[in-house]
Amino acid sequence: MRRAARVDANHKQIVQGLRSSGCTVQDLSAVGKGCPDILVGRNGINILIEIKTKKGKLTSRQVEWHQAWRGNAIVVTSIEEAIHAINELFETRKLQ
């Protein structure tokens, strides 16, 4: 029997903050297998986000997943980091 997904203490705050900033958020924490915690949509672009606490580290499975992924995936520890990283992604890629 599969255990319930474990999420970091800051998970709910980051999800709420992203939604408040105009993003759509789908919780993926139950997927497991190294898959990031949330899928974030903004202006037609999707970004996968792994949420960690300040002291949190990626598991070996998460490291493997991130190394193999060919799309947008980031790791954040706060809502400020999440919004900054998303904005930076849009600026770097000249996305609106």
PDB file of N, CA and C in Angstrom:
ATOM      1  N   MET A   1       0.832  -1.184   0.000  1.00  0.00           N
ATOM      2  CA  MET A   1       0.000   0.000   0.000  1.00  0.00           C
ATOM      3  C   MET A   1       0.875   1.245   0.000  1.00  0.00           C
ATOM      4  N   ARG A   2       0.578   2.186  -0.877  1.00  0.00           N
ATOM      5  CA  ARG A   2       1.363   3.415  -1.012  1.00  0.00           C
ATOM      6  C   ARG A   2       1.060   4.360   0.140  1.00  0.00           C
ATOM      7  N   ARG A   3       2.139   4.952   0.703  1.00  0.00           N
ATOM      8  CA  ARG A   3       1.976   5.931   1.777  1.00  0.00           C
ATOM      9  C   ARG A   3       1.454   7.244   1.223  1.00  0.00           C
ATOM     10  N   ALA A   4       0.847   8.023   2.078  1.00  0.00           N
ATOM     11  CA  ALA A   4       0.389   9.357   1.686  1.00  0.00           C
ATOM     12  C   ALA A   4       1.599  10.217   1.332  1.00  0.00           C
ATOM     13  N   ALA A   5       1.426  11.088   0.354  1.00  0.00           N
ATOM     14  CA  ALA A   5       2.513  11.956  -0.073  1.00  0.00           C
ATOM     15  C   ALA A   5       2.931  12.876   1.071  1.00  0.00           C
ATOM     16  N   ARG A   6       4.226  13.033   1.246  1.00  0.00           N
ATOM     17  CA  ARG A   6       4.756  13.939   2.255  1.00  0.00           C
ATOM     18  C   ARG A   6       5.111  15.253   1.568  1.00  0.00           C
ATOM     19  N   VAL A   7       4.657  16.342   2.122  1.00  0.00           N
ATOM     20  CA  VAL A   7       4.996  17.645   1.557  1.00  0.00           C
ATOM     21  C   VAL A   7       5.741  18.461   2.605  1.00  0.00           C
ATOM     22  N   ASP A   8       6.569  19.389   2.135  1.00  0.00           N
ATOM     23  CA  ASP A   8       7.327  20.238   3.048  1.00  0.00           C
ATOM     24  C   ASP A   8       6.408  21.250   3.719  1.00  0.00           C
ATOM     25  N   ALA A   9       6.852  21.767   4.855  1.00  0.00           N
ATOM     26  CA  ALA A   9       6.043  22.680   5.667  1.00  0.00           C
ATOM     27  C   ALA A   9       5.638  23.950   4.925  1.00  0.00           C
ATOM     28  N   ASN A  10       6.432  24.385   3.949  1.00  0.00           N
ATOM     29  CA  ASN A  10       6.158  25.616   3.216  1.00  0.00           C
ATOM     30  C   ASN A  10       5.327  25.394   1.948  1.00  0.00           C
ATOM     31  N   HIS A  11       4.940  24.178   1.683  1.00  0.00           N
ATOM     32  CA  HIS A  11       4.208  23.806   0.465  1.00  0.00           C
ATOM     33  C   HIS A  11       2.919  24.619   0.300  1.00  0.00           C
ATOM     34  N   LYS A  12       2.075  24.608   1.309  1.00  0.00           N
ATOM     35  CA  LYS A  12       0.782  25.276   1.232  1.00  0.00           C
ATOM     36  C   LYS A  12       0.950  26.781   1.005  1.00  0.00           C
ATOM     37  N   GLN A  13       1.878  27.392   1.714  1.00  0.00           N
ATOM     38  CA  GLN A  13       2.118  28.835   1.587  1.00  0.00           C
ATOM     39  C   GLN A  13       2.571  29.189   0.172  1.00  0.00           C
ATOM     40  N   ILE A  14       3.454  28.397  -0.403  1.00  0.00           N
ATOM     41  CA  ILE A  14       3.947  28.669  -1.756  1.00  0.00           C
ATOM     42  C   ILE A  14       2.825  28.492  -2.772  1.00  0.00           C
ATOM     43  N   VAL A  15       2.045  27.441  -2.642  1.00  0.00           N
ATOM     44  CA  VAL A  15       0.914  27.226  -3.556  1.00  0.00           C
ATOM     45  C   VAL A  15      -0.064  28.400  -3.479  1.00  0.00           C
ATOM     46  N   GLN A  16      -0.428  28.806  -2.270  1.00  0.00           N
ATOM     47  CA  GLN A  16      -1.363  29.928  -2.108  1.00  0.00           C
ATOM     48  C   GLN A  16      -0.791  31.221  -2.680  1.00  0.00           C
ATOM     49  N   GLY A  17       0.485  31.467  -2.448  1.00  0.00           N
ATOM     50  CA  GLY A  17       1.132  32.669  -2.967  1.00  0.00           C
ATOM     51  C   GLY A  17       1.159  32.709  -4.482  1.00  0.00           C
ATOM     52  N   LEU A  18       1.443  31.570  -5.100  1.00  0.00           N
ATOM     53  CA  LEU A  18       1.454  31.516  -6.559  1.00  0.00           C
ATOM     54  C   LEU A  18       0.056  31.747  -7.122  1.00  0.00           C
ATOM     55  N   ARG A  19      -0.935  31.142  -6.496  1.00  0.00           N
ATOM     56  CA  ARG A  19      -2.315  31.362  -6.951  1.00  0.00           C
ATOM     57  C   ARG A  19      -2.711  32.825  -6.794  1.00  0.00           C
ATOM     58  N   SER A  20      -2.312  33.446  -5.691  1.00  0.00           N
ATOM     59  CA  SER A  20      -2.621  34.860  -5.454  1.00  0.00           C
ATOM     60  C   SER A  20      -1.938  35.770  -6.477  1.00  0.00           C
ATOM     61  N   SER A  21      -0.815  35.312  -7.027  1.00  0.00           N
ATOM     62  CA  SER A  21      -0.082  36.122  -8.001  1.00  0.00           C
ATOM     63  C   SER A  21      -0.594  35.922  -9.431  1.00  0.00           C
ATOM     64  N   GLY A  22      -1.634  35.109  -9.591  1.00  0.00           N
ATOM     65  CA  GLY A  22      -2.232  34.926 -10.908  1.00  0.00           C
ATOM     66  C   GLY A  22      -1.865  33.647 -11.632  1.00  0.00           C
ATOM     67  N   CYS A  23      -1.112  32.777 -10.986  1.00  0.00           N
ATOM     68  CA  CYS A  23      -0.742  31.498 -11.597  1.00  0.00           C
ATOM     69  C   CYS A  23      -1.814  30.452 -11.297  1.00  0.00           C
ATOM     70  N   THR A  24      -1.886  29.449 -12.136  1.00  0.00           N
ATOM     71  CA  THR A  24      -2.670  28.268 -11.806  1.00  0.00           C
ATOM     72  C   THR A  24      -1.687  27.236 -11.257  1.00  0.00           C
ATOM     73  N   VAL A  25      -2.162  26.433 -10.313  1.00  0.00           N
ATOM     74  CA  VAL A  25      -1.273  25.464  -9.665  1.00  0.00           C
ATOM     75  C   VAL A  25      -1.983  24.126  -9.543  1.00  0.00           C
ATOM     76  N   GLN A  26      -1.295  23.073  -9.975  1.00  0.00           N
ATOM     77  CA  GLN A  26      -1.785  21.704  -9.813  1.00  0.00           C
ATOM     78  C   GLN A  26      -0.809  20.970  -8.901  1.00  0.00           C
ATOM     79  N   ASP A  27      -1.312  20.425  -7.817  1.00  0.00           N
ATOM     80  CA  ASP A  27      -0.473  19.689  -6.878  1.00  0.00           C
ATOM     81  C   ASP A  27      -0.145  18.321  -7.468  1.00  0.00           C
ATOM     82  N   LEU A  28       1.138  18.011  -7.561  1.00  0.00           N
ATOM     83  CA  LEU A  28       1.609  16.722  -8.086  1.00  0.00           C
ATOM     84  C   LEU A  28       2.333  15.902  -7.024  1.00  0.00           C
ATOM     85  N   SER A  29       2.272  16.337  -5.779  1.00  0.00           N
ATOM     86  CA  SER A  29       3.077  15.699  -4.731  1.00  0.00           C
ATOM     87  C   SER A  29       2.793  14.209  -4.564  1.00  0.00           C
ATOM     88  N   ALA A  30       1.616  13.755  -4.929  1.00  0.00           N
ATOM     89  CA  ALA A  30       1.290  12.332  -4.790  1.00  0.00           C
ATOM     90  C   ALA A  30       1.870  11.465  -5.904  1.00  0.00           C
ATOM     91  N   VAL A  31       2.393  12.088  -6.957  1.00  0.00           N
ATOM     92  CA  VAL A  31       2.938  11.324  -8.091  1.00  0.00           C
ATOM     93  C   VAL A  31       4.166  10.518  -7.661  1.00  0.00           C
ATOM     94  N   GLY A  32       5.064  11.138  -6.912  1.00  0.00           N
ATOM     95  CA  GLY A  32       6.270  10.439  -6.469  1.00  0.00           C
ATOM     96  C   GLY A  32       7.249  10.209  -7.600  1.00  0.00           C
ATOM     97  N   LYS A  33       8.140   9.248  -7.448  1.00  0.00           N
ATOM     98  CA  LYS A  33       9.134   8.864  -8.449  1.00  0.00           C
ATOM     99  C   LYS A  33      10.038  10.021  -8.867  1.00  0.00           C
ATOM    100  N   GLY A  34      10.240  10.992  -7.975  1.00  0.00           N
ATOM    101  CA  GLY A  34      11.125  12.112  -8.275  1.00  0.00           C
ATOM    102  C   GLY A  34      10.441  13.288  -8.931  1.00  0.00           C
ATOM    103  N   CYS A  35       9.176  13.123  -9.305  1.00  0.00           N
ATOM    104  CA  CYS A  35       8.426  14.189  -9.971  1.00  0.00           C
ATOM    105  C   CYS A  35       8.287  15.392  -9.029  1.00  0.00           C
ATOM    106  N   PRO A  36       8.448  16.623  -9.554  1.00  0.00           N
ATOM    107  CA  PRO A  36       8.296  17.814  -8.710  1.00  0.00           C
ATOM    108  C   PRO A  36       6.921  17.904  -8.052  1.00  0.00           C
ATOM    109  N   ASP A  37       6.835  18.746  -7.025  1.00  0.00           N
ATOM    110  CA  ASP A  37       5.640  18.861  -6.193  1.00  0.00           C
ATOM    111  C   ASP A  37       4.448  19.527  -6.871  1.00  0.00           C
ATOM    112  N   ILE A  38       4.712  20.542  -7.714  1.00  0.00           N
ATOM    113  CA  ILE A  38       3.596  21.280  -8.316  1.00  0.00           C
ATOM    114  C   ILE A  38       3.870  21.607  -9.779  1.00  0.00           C
ATOM    115  N   LEU A  39       2.784  21.752 -10.519  1.00  0.00           N
ATOM    116  CA  LEU A  39       2.814  22.225 -11.899  1.00  0.00           C
ATOM    117  C   LEU A  39       2.180  23.611 -11.885  1.00  0.00           C
ATOM    118  N   VAL A  40       2.907  24.603 -12.386  1.00  0.00           N
ATOM    119  CA  VAL A  40       2.445  25.988 -12.368  1.00  0.00           C
ATOM    120  C   VAL A  40       2.253  26.467 -13.797  1.00  0.00           C
ATOM    121  N   GLY A  41       1.117  27.092 -14.050  1.00  0.00           N
ATOM    122  CA  GLY A  41       0.840  27.661 -15.363  1.00  0.00           C
ATOM    123  C   GLY A  41       0.746  29.172 -15.283  1.00  0.00           C
ATOM    124  N   ARG A  42       1.393  29.845 -16.229  1.00  0.00           N
ATOM    125  CA  ARG A  42       1.294  31.296 -16.312  1.00  0.00           C
ATOM    126  C   ARG A  42       1.429  31.707 -17.773  1.00  0.00           C
ATOM    127  N   ASN A  43       0.445  32.427 -18.259  1.00  0.00           N
ATOM    128  CA  ASN A  43       0.465  32.949 -19.633  1.00  0.00           C
ATOM    129  C   ASN A  43       0.766  31.869 -20.671  1.00  0.00           C
ATOM    130  N   GLY A  44       0.180  30.708 -20.498  1.00  0.00           N
ATOM    131  CA  GLY A  44       0.332  29.631 -21.472  1.00  0.00           C
ATOM    132  C   GLY A  44       1.598  28.809 -21.339  1.00  0.00           C
ATOM    133  N   ILE A  45       2.409  29.086 -20.333  1.00  0.00           N
ATOM    134  CA  ILE A  45       3.658  28.350 -20.119  1.00  0.00           C
ATOM    135  C   ILE A  45       3.532  27.540 -18.831  1.00  0.00           C
ATOM    136  N   ASN A  46       4.037  26.310 -18.849  1.00  0.00           N
ATOM    137  CA  ASN A  46       4.005  25.432 -17.684  1.00  0.00           C
ATOM    138  C   ASN A  46       5.397  25.286 -17.091  1.00  0.00           C
ATOM    139  N   ILE A  47       5.471  25.317 -15.772  1.00  0.00           N
ATOM    140  CA  ILE A  47       6.732  25.203 -15.051  1.00  0.00           C
ATOM    141  C   ILE A  47       6.530  24.208 -13.910  1.00  0.00           C
ATOM    142  N   LEU A  48       7.395  23.231 -13.825  1.00  0.00           N
ATOM    143  CA  LEU A  48       7.351  22.276 -12.721  1.00  0.00           C
ATOM    144  C   LEU A  48       8.219  22.807 -11.588  1.00  0.00           C
ATOM    145  N   ILE A  49       7.693  22.743 -10.366  1.00  0.00           N
ATOM    146  CA  ILE A  49       8.426  23.270  -9.219  1.00  0.00           C
ATOM    147  C   ILE A  49       8.520  22.228  -8.112  1.00  0.00           C
ATOM    148  N   GLU A  50       9.746  22.009  -7.660  1.00  0.00           N
ATOM    149  CA  GLU A  50      10.014  21.183  -6.483  1.00  0.00           C
ATOM    150  C   GLU A  50      10.133  22.138  -5.306  1.00  0.00           C
ATOM    151  N   ILE A  51       9.382  21.896  -4.252  1.00  0.00           N
ATOM    152  CA  ILE A  51       9.392  22.743  -3.069  1.00  0.00           C
ATOM    153  C   ILE A  51      10.229  22.064  -1.978  1.00  0.00           C
ATOM    154  N   LYS A  52      11.176  22.812  -1.446  1.00  0.00           N
ATOM    155  CA  LYS A  52      12.013  22.335  -0.347  1.00  0.00           C
ATOM    156  C   LYS A  52      12.024  23.382   0.751  1.00  0.00           C
ATOM    157  N   THR A  53      12.328  22.958   1.962  1.00  0.00           N
ATOM    158  CA  THR A  53      12.561  23.917   3.041  1.00  0.00           C
ATOM    159  C   THR A  53      13.983  24.452   2.863  1.00  0.00           C
ATOM    160  N   LYS A  54      14.345  25.453   3.635  1.00  0.00           N
ATOM    161  CA  LYS A  54      15.701  26.038   3.527  1.00  0.00           C
ATOM    162  C   LYS A  54      16.792  24.981   3.693  1.00  0.00           C
ATOM    163  N   LYS A  55      16.569  24.019   4.562  1.00  0.00           N
ATOM    164  CA  LYS A  55      17.572  22.986   4.818  1.00  0.00           C
ATOM    165  C   LYS A  55      17.328  21.721   3.996  1.00  0.00           C
ATOM    166  N   GLY A  56      16.255  21.699   3.226  1.00  0.00           N
ATOM    167  CA  GLY A  56      15.890  20.509   2.466  1.00  0.00           C
ATOM    168  C   GLY A  56      16.846  20.219   1.322  1.00  0.00           C
ATOM    169  N   LYS A  57      16.994  18.970   1.011  1.00  0.00           N
ATOM    170  CA  LYS A  57      17.858  18.508  -0.084  1.00  0.00           C
ATOM    171  C   LYS A  57      17.048  17.627  -1.021  1.00  0.00           C
ATOM    172  N   LEU A  58      17.413  17.644  -2.295  1.00  0.00           N
ATOM    173  CA  LEU A  58      16.774  16.748  -3.254  1.00  0.00           C
ATOM    174  C   LEU A  58      17.171  15.310  -2.933  1.00  0.00           C
ATOM    175  N   THR A  59      16.217  14.395  -3.071  1.00  0.00           N
ATOM    176  CA  THR A  59      16.534  12.978  -2.923  1.00  0.00           C
ATOM    177  C   THR A  59      17.266  12.529  -4.181  1.00  0.00           C
ATOM    178  N   SER A  60      17.870  11.365  -4.142  1.00  0.00           N
ATOM    179  CA  SER A  60      18.574  10.861  -5.329  1.00  0.00           C
ATOM    180  C   SER A  60      17.609  10.689  -6.497  1.00  0.00           C
ATOM    181  N   ARG A  61      16.395  10.268  -6.204  1.00  0.00           N
ATOM    182  CA  ARG A  61      15.384  10.119  -7.256  1.00  0.00           C
ATOM    183  C   ARG A  61      15.025  11.472  -7.874  1.00  0.00           C
ATOM    184  N   GLN A  62      14.919  12.507  -7.045  1.00  0.00           N
ATOM    185  CA  GLN A  62      14.612  13.844  -7.543  1.00  0.00           C
ATOM    186  C   GLN A  62      15.762  14.384  -8.388  1.00  0.00           C
ATOM    187  N   VAL A  63      16.982  14.150  -7.966  1.00  0.00           N
ATOM    188  CA  VAL A  63      18.150  14.584  -8.743  1.00  0.00           C
ATOM    189  C   VAL A  63      18.117  13.924 -10.119  1.00  0.00           C
ATOM    190  N   GLU A  64      17.889  12.628 -10.157  1.00  0.00           N
ATOM    191  CA  GLU A  64      17.813  11.907 -11.440  1.00  0.00           C
ATOM    192  C   GLU A  64      16.701  12.473 -12.315  1.00  0.00           C
ATOM    193  N   TRP A  65      15.546  12.735 -11.726  1.00  0.00           N
ATOM    194  CA  TRP A  65      14.416  13.267 -12.486  1.00  0.00           C
ATOM    195  C   TRP A  65      14.785  14.619 -13.104  1.00  0.00           C
ATOM    196  N   HIS A  66      15.354  15.513 -12.304  1.00  0.00           N
ATOM    197  CA  HIS A  66      15.713  16.848 -12.794  1.00  0.00           C
ATOM    198  C   HIS A  66      16.783  16.778 -13.883  1.00  0.00           C
ATOM    199  N   GLN A  67      17.723  15.856 -13.765  1.00  0.00           N
ATOM    200  CA  GLN A  67      18.770  15.716 -14.782  1.00  0.00           C
ATOM    201  C   GLN A  67      18.199  15.221 -16.111  1.00  0.00           C
ATOM    202  N   ALA A  68      17.164  14.401 -16.049  1.00  0.00           N
ATOM    203  CA  ALA A  68      16.579  13.820 -17.257  1.00  0.00           C
ATOM    204  C   ALA A  68      15.514  14.717 -17.905  1.00  0.00           C
ATOM    205  N   TRP A  69      14.928  15.625 -17.151  1.00  0.00           N
ATOM    206  CA  TRP A  69      13.814  16.441 -17.643  1.00  0.00           C
ATOM    207  C   TRP A  69      14.299  17.470 -18.662  1.00  0.00           C
ATOM    208  N   ARG A  70      13.568  17.615 -19.769  1.00  0.00           N
ATOM    209  CA  ARG A  70      13.943  18.529 -20.853  1.00  0.00           C
ATOM    210  C   ARG A  70      13.090  19.795 -20.880  1.00  0.00           C
ATOM    211  N   GLY A  71      12.247  19.975 -19.887  1.00  0.00           N
ATOM    212  CA  GLY A  71      11.381  21.151 -19.845  1.00  0.00           C
ATOM    213  C   GLY A  71      11.759  22.085 -18.710  1.00  0.00           C
ATOM    214  N   ASN A  72      10.844  22.971 -18.360  1.00  0.00           N
ATOM    215  CA  ASN A  72      11.057  23.949 -17.296  1.00  0.00           C
ATOM    216  C   ASN A  72      10.795  23.318 -15.934  1.00  0.00           C
ATOM    217  N   ALA A  73      11.838  23.224 -15.108  1.00  0.00           N
ATOM    218  CA  ALA A  73      11.702  22.673 -13.754  1.00  0.00           C
ATOM    219  C   ALA A  73      12.678  23.405 -12.842  1.00  0.00           C
ATOM    220  N   ILE A  74      12.175  23.866 -11.698  1.00  0.00           N
ATOM    221  CA  ILE A  74      13.001  24.609 -10.755  1.00  0.00           C
ATOM    222  C   ILE A  74      12.771  24.094  -9.340  1.00  0.00           C
ATOM    223  N   VAL A  75      13.686  24.455  -8.436  1.00  0.00           N
ATOM    224  CA  VAL A  75      13.576  24.111  -7.020  1.00  0.00           C
ATOM    225  C   VAL A  75      13.519  25.418  -6.245  1.00  0.00           C
ATOM    226  N   VAL A  76      12.538  25.556  -5.350  1.00  0.00           N
ATOM    227  CA  VAL A  76      12.393  26.784  -4.557  1.00  0.00           C
ATOM    228  C   VAL A  76      12.169  26.450  -3.085  1.00  0.00           C
ATOM    229  N   THR A  77      12.448  27.460  -2.238  1.00  0.00           N
ATOM    230  CA  THR A  77      12.223  27.286  -0.797  1.00  0.00           C
ATOM    231  C   THR A  77      11.249  28.312  -0.231  1.00  0.00           C
ATOM    232  N   SER A  78      10.803  29.263  -1.062  1.00  0.00           N
ATOM    233  CA  SER A  78       9.875  30.296  -0.577  1.00  0.00           C
ATOM    234  C   SER A  78       9.040  30.829  -1.738  1.00  0.00           C
ATOM    235  N   ILE A  79       7.966  31.521  -1.400  1.00  0.00           N
ATOM    236  CA  ILE A  79       7.132  32.132  -2.427  1.00  0.00           C
ATOM    237  C   ILE A  79       7.929  33.196  -3.180  1.00  0.00           C
ATOM    238  N   GLU A  80       8.778  33.931  -2.472  1.00  0.00           N
ATOM    239  CA  GLU A  80       9.594  34.952  -3.127  1.00  0.00           C
ATOM    240  C   GLU A  80      10.526  34.326  -4.167  1.00  0.00           C
ATOM    241  N   GLU A  81      11.164  33.229  -3.806  1.00  0.00           N
ATOM    242  CA  GLU A  81      12.033  32.507  -4.752  1.00  0.00           C
ATOM    243  C   GLU A  81      11.236  32.011  -5.946  1.00  0.00           C
ATOM    244  N   ALA A  82      10.050  31.482  -5.689  1.00  0.00           N
ATOM    245  CA  ALA A  82       9.219  30.943  -6.767  1.00  0.00           C
ATOM    246  C   ALA A  82       8.842  32.033  -7.761  1.00  0.00           C
ATOM    247  N   ILE A  83       8.340  33.151  -7.265  1.00  0.00           N
ATOM    248  CA  ILE A  83       7.935  34.242  -8.153  1.00  0.00           C
ATOM    249  C   ILE A  83       9.140  34.814  -8.885  1.00  0.00           C
ATOM    250  N   HIS A  84      10.251  34.980  -8.185  1.00  0.00           N
ATOM    251  CA  HIS A  84      11.468  35.491  -8.827  1.00  0.00           C
ATOM    252  C   HIS A  84      11.927  34.550  -9.946  1.00  0.00           C
ATOM    253  N   ALA A  85      11.955  33.252  -9.669  1.00  0.00           N
ATOM    254  CA  ALA A  85      12.403  32.277 -10.673  1.00  0.00           C
ATOM    255  C   ALA A  85      11.474  32.244 -11.880  1.00  0.00           C
ATOM    256  N   ILE A  86      10.177  32.325 -11.643  1.00  0.00           N
ATOM    257  CA  ILE A  86       9.216  32.339 -12.749  1.00  0.00           C
ATOM    258  C   ILE A  86       9.400  33.603 -13.582  1.00  0.00           C
ATOM    259  N   ASN A  87       9.500  34.754 -12.916  1.00  0.00           N
ATOM    260  CA  ASN A  87       9.717  36.010 -13.641  1.00  0.00           C
ATOM    261  C   ASN A  87      11.011  35.982 -14.434  1.00  0.00           C
ATOM    262  N   GLU A  88      12.070  35.440 -13.832  1.00  0.00           N
ATOM    263  CA  GLU A  88      13.358  35.336 -14.511  1.00  0.00           C
ATOM    264  C   GLU A  88      13.257  34.443 -15.746  1.00  0.00           C
ATOM    265  N   LEU A  89      12.548  33.344 -15.628  1.00  0.00           N
ATOM    266  CA  LEU A  89      12.336  32.443 -16.756  1.00  0.00           C
ATOM    267  C   LEU A  89      11.642  33.189 -17.898  1.00  0.00           C
ATOM    268  N   PHE A  90      10.626  33.955 -17.577  1.00  0.00           N
ATOM    269  CA  PHE A  90       9.911  34.696 -18.599  1.00  0.00           C
ATOM    270  C   PHE A  90      10.797  35.777 -19.227  1.00  0.00           C
ATOM    271  N   GLU A  91      11.583  36.476 -18.431  1.00  0.00           N
ATOM    272  CA  GLU A  91      12.470  37.521 -18.953  1.00  0.00           C
ATOM    273  C   GLU A  91      13.570  36.926 -19.825  1.00  0.00           C
ATOM    274  N   THR A  92      14.185  35.840 -19.357  1.00  0.00           N
ATOM    275  CA  THR A  92      15.266  35.196 -20.091  1.00  0.00           C
ATOM    276  C   THR A  92      14.787  34.676 -21.445  1.00  0.00           C
ATOM    277  N   ARG A  93      13.614  34.151 -21.459  1.00  0.00           N
ATOM    278  CA  ARG A  93      13.084  33.565 -22.693  1.00  0.00           C
ATOM    279  C   ARG A  93      12.228  34.547 -23.475  1.00  0.00           C
ATOM    280  N   LYS A  94      12.162  35.790 -22.996  1.00  0.00           N
ATOM    281  CA  LYS A  94      11.365  36.839 -23.641  1.00  0.00           C
ATOM    282  C   LYS A  94       9.898  36.429 -23.772  1.00  0.00           C
ATOM    283  N   LEU A  95       9.403  35.797 -22.706  1.00  0.00           N
ATOM    284  CA  LEU A  95       8.011  35.359 -22.674  1.00  0.00           C
ATOM    285  C   LEU A  95       7.162  36.429 -22.005  1.00  0.00           C
ATOM    286  N   GLN A  96       5.945  36.503 -22.368  1.00  0.00           N
ATOM    287  CA  GLN A  96       5.025  37.472 -21.743  1.00  0.00           C
ATOM    288  C   GLN A  96       4.238  36.769 -20.723  1.00  0.00           C
TER     289      GLN A  96
END
